[in-house]
Each structure stands twice: as structure tokens, then as C-alpha cells.
Amino acid sequence: FTASKDNAKSTVYLEMNRLKPEDTAVYYCA
């Protein structure tokens, strides 16, 4: 996983690669 941001858009991203069944969840940003 890689977290990144765009300050101008006040937006953050979570790039998730090679996902596994155990990654199944509700994802929250805080």
C-alpha cells in the first residue's frame, strides 16, 4: 500500500496493490 496526497485538492489517496482476502474491510480515513 502507498499513501499519497494532493494538498491543492485536500485529498489523500491509498493505493492498494497485491490485495489479499485478509484486506477485506471497511476503510476509513481520519
PDB file of all heavy atoms in Angstrom:
ATOM      1  N   PHE A   1       0.843  -1.192   0.000  1.00  0.00           N
ATOM      2  CA  PHE A   1       0.000   0.000   0.000  1.00  0.00           C
ATOM      3  C   PHE A   1       0.881   1.246   0.000  1.00  0.00           C
ATOM      4  O   PHE A   1       1.953   1.261   0.613  1.00  0.00           O
ATOM      5  CB  PHE A   1      -0.897   0.039   1.234  1.00  0.00           C
ATOM      6  CG  PHE A   1      -1.989  -1.008   1.281  1.00  0.00           C
ATOM      7  CD1 PHE A   1      -2.013  -2.080   0.384  1.00  0.00           C
ATOM      8  CD2 PHE A   1      -2.991  -0.923   2.212  1.00  0.00           C
ATOM      9  CE1 PHE A   1      -3.016  -3.026   0.429  1.00  0.00           C
ATOM     10  CE2 PHE A   1      -4.013  -1.857   2.280  1.00  0.00           C
ATOM     11  CZ  PHE A   1      -4.012  -2.920   1.385  1.00  0.00           C
ATOM     12  N   THR A   2       0.373   2.290  -0.655  1.00  0.00           N
ATOM     13  CA  THR A   2       1.080   3.563  -0.695  1.00  0.00           C
ATOM     14  C   THR A   2       0.100   4.697  -0.432  1.00  0.00           C
ATOM     15  O   THR A   2      -0.933   4.801  -1.123  1.00  0.00           O
ATOM     16  CB  THR A   2       1.746   3.789  -2.062  1.00  0.00           C
ATOM     17  OG1 THR A   2       2.651   2.714  -2.329  1.00  0.00           O
ATOM     18  CG2 THR A   2       2.519   5.094  -2.062  1.00  0.00           C
ATOM     19  N   ALA A   3       0.419   5.514   0.541  1.00  0.00           N
ATOM     20  CA  ALA A   3      -0.387   6.697   0.833  1.00  0.00           C
ATOM     21  C   ALA A   3       0.224   7.893   0.105  1.00  0.00           C
ATOM     22  O   ALA A   3       1.447   8.039   0.053  1.00  0.00           O
ATOM     23  CB  ALA A   3      -0.423   6.966   2.329  1.00  0.00           C
ATOM     24  N   SER A   4      -0.635   8.725  -0.453  1.00  0.00           N
ATOM     25  CA  SER A   4      -0.169   9.933  -1.132  1.00  0.00           C
ATOM     26  C   SER A   4      -1.189  11.040  -0.904  1.00  0.00           C
ATOM     27  O   SER A   4      -2.258  10.805  -0.328  1.00  0.00           O
ATOM     28  CB  SER A   4       0.042   9.681  -2.623  1.00  0.00           C
ATOM     29  OG  SER A   4      -1.187   9.310  -3.242  1.00  0.00           O
ATOM     30  N   LYS A   5      -0.860  12.243  -1.358  1.00  0.00           N
ATOM     31  CA  LYS A   5      -1.737  13.382  -1.090  1.00  0.00           C
ATOM     32  C   LYS A   5      -1.693  14.374  -2.217  1.00  0.00           C
ATOM     33  O   LYS A   5      -0.738  14.426  -2.988  1.00  0.00           O
ATOM     34  CB  LYS A   5      -1.301  14.052   0.217  1.00  0.00           C
ATOM     35  CG  LYS A   5       0.114  14.616   0.153  1.00  0.00           C
ATOM     36  CD  LYS A   5       0.554  15.174   1.485  1.00  0.00           C
ATOM     37  CE  LYS A   5       1.973  15.706   1.422  1.00  0.00           C
ATOM     38  NZ  LYS A   5       2.084  16.895   0.577  1.00  0.00           N
ATOM     39  N   ASP A   6      -2.733  15.168  -2.265  1.00  0.00           N
ATOM     40  CA  ASP A   6      -2.785  16.302  -3.172  1.00  0.00           C
ATOM     41  C   ASP A   6      -3.223  17.484  -2.316  1.00  0.00           C
ATOM     42  O   ASP A   6      -4.412  17.638  -2.019  1.00  0.00           O
ATOM     43  CB  ASP A   6      -3.777  16.041  -4.300  1.00  0.00           C
ATOM     44  CG  ASP A   6      -3.782  17.151  -5.332  1.00  0.00           C
ATOM     45  OD1 ASP A   6      -3.486  18.329  -4.972  1.00  0.00           O
ATOM     46  OD2 ASP A   6      -4.103  16.875  -6.492  1.00  0.00           O
ATOM     47  N   ASN A   7      -2.269  18.284  -1.907  1.00  0.00           N
ATOM     48  CA  ASN A   7      -2.587  19.392  -1.000  1.00  0.00           C
ATOM     49  C   ASN A   7      -3.588  20.368  -1.612  1.00  0.00           C
ATOM     50  O   ASN A   7      -4.472  20.864  -0.917  1.00  0.00           O
ATOM     51  CB  ASN A   7      -1.309  20.144  -0.614  1.00  0.00           C
ATOM     52  CG  ASN A   7      -0.433  19.347   0.315  1.00  0.00           C
ATOM     53  OD1 ASN A   7      -0.027  18.239  -0.005  1.00  0.00           O
ATOM     54  ND2 ASN A   7      -0.121  19.905   1.471  1.00  0.00           N
ATOM     55  N   ALA A   8      -3.452  20.620  -2.883  1.00  0.00           N
ATOM     56  CA  ALA A   8      -4.330  21.582  -3.538  1.00  0.00           C
ATOM     57  C   ALA A   8      -5.788  21.134  -3.500  1.00  0.00           C
ATOM     58  O   ALA A   8      -6.703  21.955  -3.443  1.00  0.00           O
ATOM     59  CB  ALA A   8      -3.883  21.802  -4.979  1.00  0.00           C
ATOM     60  N   LYS A   9      -5.991  19.823  -3.530  1.00  0.00           N
ATOM     61  CA  LYS A   9      -7.357  19.280  -3.500  1.00  0.00           C
ATOM     62  C   LYS A   9      -7.770  18.837  -2.106  1.00  0.00           C
ATOM     63  O   LYS A   9      -8.884  18.329  -1.936  1.00  0.00           O
ATOM     64  CB  LYS A   9      -7.464  18.088  -4.462  1.00  0.00           C
ATOM     65  CG  LYS A   9      -7.236  18.443  -5.919  1.00  0.00           C
ATOM     66  CD  LYS A   9      -7.395  17.203  -6.799  1.00  0.00           C
ATOM     67  CE  LYS A   9      -7.202  17.554  -8.256  1.00  0.00           C
ATOM     68  NZ  LYS A   9      -7.330  16.347  -9.125  1.00  0.00           N
ATOM     69  N   SER A  10      -6.878  18.980  -1.122  1.00  0.00           N
ATOM     70  CA  SER A  10      -7.140  18.486   0.232  1.00  0.00           C
ATOM     71  C   SER A  10      -7.612  17.043   0.194  1.00  0.00           C
ATOM     72  O   SER A  10      -8.567  16.651   0.870  1.00  0.00           O
ATOM     73  CB  SER A  10      -8.192  19.374   0.929  1.00  0.00           C
ATOM     74  OG  SER A  10      -7.674  20.651   1.168  1.00  0.00           O
ATOM     75  N   THR A  11      -6.949  16.259  -0.608  1.00  0.00           N
ATOM     76  CA  THR A  11      -7.334  14.867  -0.817  1.00  0.00           C
ATOM     77  C   THR A  11      -6.136  13.955  -0.586  1.00  0.00           C
ATOM     78  O   THR A  11      -5.025  14.280  -1.001  1.00  0.00           O
ATOM     79  CB  THR A  11      -7.874  14.660  -2.249  1.00  0.00           C
ATOM     80  OG1 THR A  11      -9.046  15.468  -2.426  1.00  0.00           O
ATOM     81  CG2 THR A  11      -8.236  13.188  -2.491  1.00  0.00           C
ATOM     82  N   VAL A  12      -6.380  12.861   0.075  1.00  0.00           N
ATOM     83  CA  VAL A  12      -5.352  11.844   0.244  1.00  0.00           C
ATOM     84  C   VAL A  12      -5.820  10.566  -0.441  1.00  0.00           C
ATOM     85  O   VAL A  12      -7.024  10.352  -0.634  1.00  0.00           O
ATOM     86  CB  VAL A  12      -5.021  11.565   1.726  1.00  0.00           C
ATOM     87  CG1 VAL A  12      -4.389  12.794   2.357  1.00  0.00           C
ATOM     88  CG2 VAL A  12      -6.252  11.107   2.491  1.00  0.00           C
ATOM     89  N   TYR A  13      -4.837   9.753  -0.790  1.00  0.00           N
ATOM     90  CA  TYR A  13      -5.120   8.530  -1.524  1.00  0.00           C
ATOM     91  C   TYR A  13      -4.436   7.352  -0.842  1.00  0.00           C
ATOM     92  O   TYR A  13      -3.422   7.503  -0.160  1.00  0.00           O
ATOM     93  CB  TYR A  13      -4.595   8.653  -2.959  1.00  0.00           C
ATOM     94  CG  TYR A  13      -5.108   9.859  -3.690  1.00  0.00           C
ATOM     95  CD1 TYR A  13      -4.363  11.032  -3.738  1.00  0.00           C
ATOM     96  CD2 TYR A  13      -6.341   9.835  -4.330  1.00  0.00           C
ATOM     97  CE1 TYR A  13      -4.827  12.155  -4.397  1.00  0.00           C
ATOM     98  CE2 TYR A  13      -6.824  10.952  -4.999  1.00  0.00           C
ATOM     99  CZ  TYR A  13      -6.062  12.107  -5.027  1.00  0.00           C
ATOM    100  OH  TYR A  13      -6.537  13.210  -5.680  1.00  0.00           O
ATOM    101  N   LEU A  14      -5.009   6.191  -1.047  1.00  0.00           N
ATOM    102  CA  LEU A  14      -4.392   4.955  -0.586  1.00  0.00           C
ATOM    103  C   LEU A  14      -4.384   3.998  -1.767  1.00  0.00           C
ATOM    104  O   LEU A  14      -5.434   3.468  -2.161  1.00  0.00           O
ATOM    105  CB  LEU A  14      -5.145   4.354   0.590  1.00  0.00           C
ATOM    106  CG  LEU A  14      -4.485   3.123   1.211  1.00  0.00           C
ATOM    107  CD1 LEU A  14      -3.163   3.527   1.881  1.00  0.00           C
ATOM    108  CD2 LEU A  14      -5.398   2.454   2.237  1.00  0.00           C
ATOM    109  N   GLU A  15      -3.214   3.846  -2.356  1.00  0.00           N
ATOM    110  CA  GLU A  15      -3.058   2.917  -3.457  1.00  0.00           C
ATOM    111  C   GLU A  15      -2.795   1.543  -2.862  1.00  0.00           C
ATOM    112  O   GLU A  15      -1.820   1.359  -2.126  1.00  0.00           O
ATOM    113  CB  GLU A  15      -1.889   3.350  -4.352  1.00  0.00           C
ATOM    114  CG  GLU A  15      -1.658   2.471  -5.556  1.00  0.00           C
ATOM    115  CD  GLU A  15      -2.689   2.704  -6.653  1.00  0.00           C
ATOM    116  OE1 GLU A  15      -3.146   3.849  -6.797  1.00  0.00           O
ATOM    117  OE2 GLU A  15      -3.026   1.728  -7.345  1.00  0.00           O
ATOM    118  N   MET A  16      -3.650   0.597  -3.178  1.00  0.00           N
ATOM    119  CA  MET A  16      -3.553  -0.742  -2.596  1.00  0.00           C
ATOM    120  C   MET A  16      -3.259  -1.740  -3.710  1.00  0.00           C
ATOM    121  O   MET A  16      -4.073  -1.911  -4.624  1.00  0.00           O
ATOM    122  CB  MET A  16      -4.860  -1.103  -1.880  1.00  0.00           C
ATOM    123  CG  MET A  16      -5.287  -0.089  -0.834  1.00  0.00           C
ATOM    124  SD  MET A  16      -6.720  -0.595   0.125  1.00  0.00           S
ATOM    125  CE  MET A  16      -7.974  -0.606  -1.146  1.00  0.00           C
ATOM    126  N   ASN A  17      -2.101  -2.353  -3.631  1.00  0.00           N
ATOM    127  CA  ASN A  17      -1.671  -3.328  -4.641  1.00  0.00           C
ATOM    128  C   ASN A  17      -1.567  -4.710  -4.031  1.00  0.00           C
ATOM    129  O   ASN A  17      -1.444  -4.866  -2.814  1.00  0.00           O
ATOM    130  CB  ASN A  17      -0.325  -2.902  -5.219  1.00  0.00           C
ATOM    131  CG  ASN A  17      -0.400  -1.562  -5.933  1.00  0.00           C
ATOM    132  OD1 ASN A  17      -1.328  -1.298  -6.693  1.00  0.00           O
ATOM    133  ND2 ASN A  17       0.580  -0.709  -5.678  1.00  0.00           N
ATOM    134  N   ARG A  18      -1.583  -5.706  -4.882  1.00  0.00           N
ATOM    135  CA  ARG A  18      -1.457  -7.115  -4.464  1.00  0.00           C
ATOM    136  C   ARG A  18      -2.403  -7.399  -3.306  1.00  0.00           C
ATOM    137  O   ARG A  18      -1.999  -7.925  -2.257  1.00  0.00           O
ATOM    138  CB  ARG A  18      -0.015  -7.424  -4.094  1.00  0.00           C
ATOM    139  CG  ARG A  18       0.960  -7.130  -5.223  1.00  0.00           C
ATOM    140  CD  ARG A  18       2.315  -7.784  -5.028  1.00  0.00           C
ATOM    141  NE  ARG A  18       2.943  -7.491  -3.755  1.00  0.00           N
ATOM    142  CZ  ARG A  18       3.655  -6.404  -3.503  1.00  0.00           C
ATOM    143  NH1 ARG A  18       3.790  -5.486  -4.427  1.00  0.00           N
ATOM    144  NH2 ARG A  18       4.215  -6.234  -2.327  1.00  0.00           N
ATOM    145  N   LEU A  19      -3.651  -7.035  -3.505  1.00  0.00           N
ATOM    146  CA  LEU A  19      -4.631  -7.193  -2.445  1.00  0.00           C
ATOM    147  C   LEU A  19      -4.835  -8.661  -2.085  1.00  0.00           C
ATOM    148  O   LEU A  19      -4.740  -9.559  -2.942  1.00  0.00           O
ATOM    149  CB  LEU A  19      -5.960  -6.568  -2.858  1.00  0.00           C
ATOM    150  CG  LEU A  19      -5.998  -5.038  -2.742  1.00  0.00           C
ATOM    151  CD1 LEU A  19      -7.112  -4.445  -3.581  1.00  0.00           C
ATOM    152  CD2 LEU A  19      -6.128  -4.617  -1.290  1.00  0.00           C
ATOM    153  N   LYS A  20      -5.111  -8.882  -0.812  1.00  0.00           N
ATOM    154  CA  LYS A  20      -5.325 -10.220  -0.280  1.00  0.00           C
ATOM    155  C   LYS A  20      -6.727 -10.289   0.341  1.00  0.00           C
ATOM    156  O   LYS A  20      -7.268  -9.262   0.748  1.00  0.00           O
ATOM    157  CB  LYS A  20      -4.291 -10.515   0.808  1.00  0.00           C
ATOM    158  CG  LYS A  20      -2.854 -10.366   0.378  1.00  0.00           C
ATOM    159  CD  LYS A  20      -1.920 -10.555   1.556  1.00  0.00           C
ATOM    160  CE  LYS A  20      -0.467 -10.379   1.171  1.00  0.00           C
ATOM    161  NZ  LYS A  20       0.435 -10.552   2.337  1.00  0.00           N
ATOM    162  N   PRO A  21      -7.281 -11.476   0.442  1.00  0.00           N
ATOM    163  CA  PRO A  21      -8.606 -11.591   1.079  1.00  0.00           C
ATOM    164  C   PRO A  21      -8.628 -10.988   2.483  1.00  0.00           C
ATOM    165  O   PRO A  21      -9.649 -10.430   2.888  1.00  0.00           O
ATOM    166  CB  PRO A  21      -8.836 -13.101   1.107  1.00  0.00           C
ATOM    167  CG  PRO A  21      -8.090 -13.609  -0.080  1.00  0.00           C
ATOM    168  CD  PRO A  21      -6.854 -12.756  -0.142  1.00  0.00           C
ATOM    169  N   GLU A  22      -7.529 -11.074   3.189  1.00  0.00           N
ATOM    170  CA  GLU A  22      -7.484 -10.511   4.544  1.00  0.00           C
ATOM    171  C   GLU A  22      -7.485  -8.989   4.559  1.00  0.00           C
ATOM    172  O   GLU A  22      -7.569  -8.375   5.630  1.00  0.00           O
ATOM    173  CB  GLU A  22      -6.287 -11.048   5.331  1.00  0.00           C
ATOM    174  CG  GLU A  22      -4.967 -10.924   4.621  1.00  0.00           C
ATOM    175  CD  GLU A  22      -4.569 -12.215   3.906  1.00  0.00           C
ATOM    176  OE1 GLU A  22      -5.441 -12.831   3.245  1.00  0.00           O
ATOM    177  OE2 GLU A  22      -3.378 -12.594   4.014  1.00  0.00           O
ATOM    178  N   ASP A  23      -7.389  -8.358   3.395  1.00  0.00           N
ATOM    179  CA  ASP A  23      -7.517  -6.903   3.315  1.00  0.00           C
ATOM    180  C   ASP A  23      -8.980  -6.466   3.272  1.00  0.00           C
ATOM    181  O   ASP A  23      -9.283  -5.272   3.307  1.00  0.00           O
ATOM    182  CB  ASP A  23      -6.806  -6.352   2.072  1.00  0.00           C
ATOM    183  CG  ASP A  23      -5.308  -6.553   2.130  1.00  0.00           C
ATOM    184  OD1 ASP A  23      -4.717  -6.332   3.207  1.00  0.00           O
ATOM    185  OD2 ASP A  23      -4.724  -6.904   1.087  1.00  0.00           O
ATOM    186  N   THR A  24      -9.876  -7.424   3.174  1.00  0.00           N
ATOM    187  CA  THR A  24     -11.302  -7.109   3.166  1.00  0.00           C
ATOM    188  C   THR A  24     -11.705  -6.400   4.450  1.00  0.00           C
ATOM    189  O   THR A  24     -11.432  -6.896   5.542  1.00  0.00           O
ATOM    190  CB  THR A  24     -12.135  -8.399   3.004  1.00  0.00           C
ATOM    191  OG1 THR A  24     -11.881  -8.961   1.718  1.00  0.00           O
ATOM    192  CG2 THR A  24     -13.618  -8.113   3.150  1.00  0.00           C
ATOM    193  N   ALA A  25     -12.313  -5.235   4.315  1.00  0.00           N
ATOM    194  CA  ALA A  25     -12.684  -4.431   5.479  1.00  0.00           C
ATOM    195  C   ALA A  25     -13.387  -3.166   5.000  1.00  0.00           C
ATOM    196  O   ALA A  25     -13.407  -2.868   3.806  1.00  0.00           O
ATOM    197  CB  ALA A  25     -11.451  -4.043   6.287  1.00  0.00           C
ATOM    198  N   VAL A  26     -13.949  -2.446   5.953  1.00  0.00           N
ATOM    199  CA  VAL A  26     -14.376  -1.073   5.682  1.00  0.00           C
ATOM    200  C   VAL A  26     -13.185  -0.182   5.990  1.00  0.00           C
ATOM    201  O   VAL A  26     -12.616  -0.255   7.084  1.00  0.00           O
ATOM    202  CB  VAL A  26     -15.590  -0.679   6.532  1.00  0.00           C
ATOM    203  CG1 VAL A  26     -15.969   0.778   6.271  1.00  0.00           C
ATOM    204  CG2 VAL A  26     -16.770  -1.602   6.236  1.00  0.00           C
ATOM    205  N   TYR A  27     -12.827   0.636   5.037  1.00  0.00           N
ATOM    206  CA  TYR A  27     -11.682   1.520   5.186  1.00  0.00           C
ATOM    207  C   TYR A  27     -12.154   2.934   5.502  1.00  0.00           C
ATOM    208  O   TYR A  27     -13.039   3.471   4.826  1.00  0.00           O
ATOM    209  CB  TYR A  27     -10.844   1.524   3.906  1.00  0.00           C
ATOM    210  CG  TYR A  27     -10.012   0.272   3.763  1.00  0.00           C
ATOM    211  CD1 TYR A  27     -10.603  -0.948   3.469  1.00  0.00           C
ATOM    212  CD2 TYR A  27      -8.636   0.306   3.944  1.00  0.00           C
ATOM    213  CE1 TYR A  27      -9.849  -2.101   3.362  1.00  0.00           C
ATOM    214  CE2 TYR A  27      -7.859  -0.846   3.836  1.00  0.00           C
ATOM    215  CZ  TYR A  27      -8.478  -2.045   3.545  1.00  0.00           C
ATOM    216  OH  TYR A  27      -7.730  -3.185   3.446  1.00  0.00           O
ATOM    217  N   TYR A  28     -11.552   3.496   6.534  1.00  0.00           N
ATOM    218  CA  TYR A  28     -11.900   4.838   6.983  1.00  0.00           C
ATOM    219  C   TYR A  28     -10.680   5.748   6.867  1.00  0.00           C
ATOM    220  O   TYR A  28      -9.566   5.337   7.167  1.00  0.00           O
ATOM    221  CB  TYR A  28     -12.323   4.810   8.441  1.00  0.00           C
ATOM    222  CG  TYR A  28     -13.546   3.984   8.730  1.00  0.00           C
ATOM    223  CD1 TYR A  28     -13.447   2.629   9.028  1.00  0.00           C
ATOM    224  CD2 TYR A  28     -14.820   4.563   8.713  1.00  0.00           C
ATOM    225  CE1 TYR A  28     -14.575   1.868   9.292  1.00  0.00           C
ATOM    226  CE2 TYR A  28     -15.947   3.819   8.977  1.00  0.00           C
ATOM    227  CZ  TYR A  28     -15.819   2.472   9.265  1.00  0.00           C
ATOM    228  OH  TYR A  28     -16.942   1.724   9.531  1.00  0.00           O
ATOM    229  N   CYS A  29     -10.931   6.983   6.458  1.00  0.00           N
ATOM    230  CA  CYS A  29      -9.870   7.959   6.602  1.00  0.00           C
ATOM    231  C   CYS A  29     -10.169   8.822   7.814  1.00  0.00           C
ATOM    232  O   CYS A  29     -11.330   8.969   8.230  1.00  0.00           O
ATOM    233  CB  CYS A  29      -9.693   8.808   5.341  1.00  0.00           C
ATOM    234  SG  CYS A  29     -11.001   9.981   5.009  1.00  0.00           S
ATOM    235  N   ALA A  30      -9.132   9.345   8.385  1.00  0.00           N
ATOM    236  CA  ALA A  30      -9.239  10.155   9.590  1.00  0.00           C
ATOM    237  C   ALA A  30      -8.281  11.326   9.469  1.00  0.00           C
ATOM    238  O   ALA A  30      -7.268  11.241   8.775  1.00  0.00           O
ATOM    239  CB  ALA A  30      -8.905   9.315  10.816  1.00  0.00           C
TER     240      ALA A  30
END
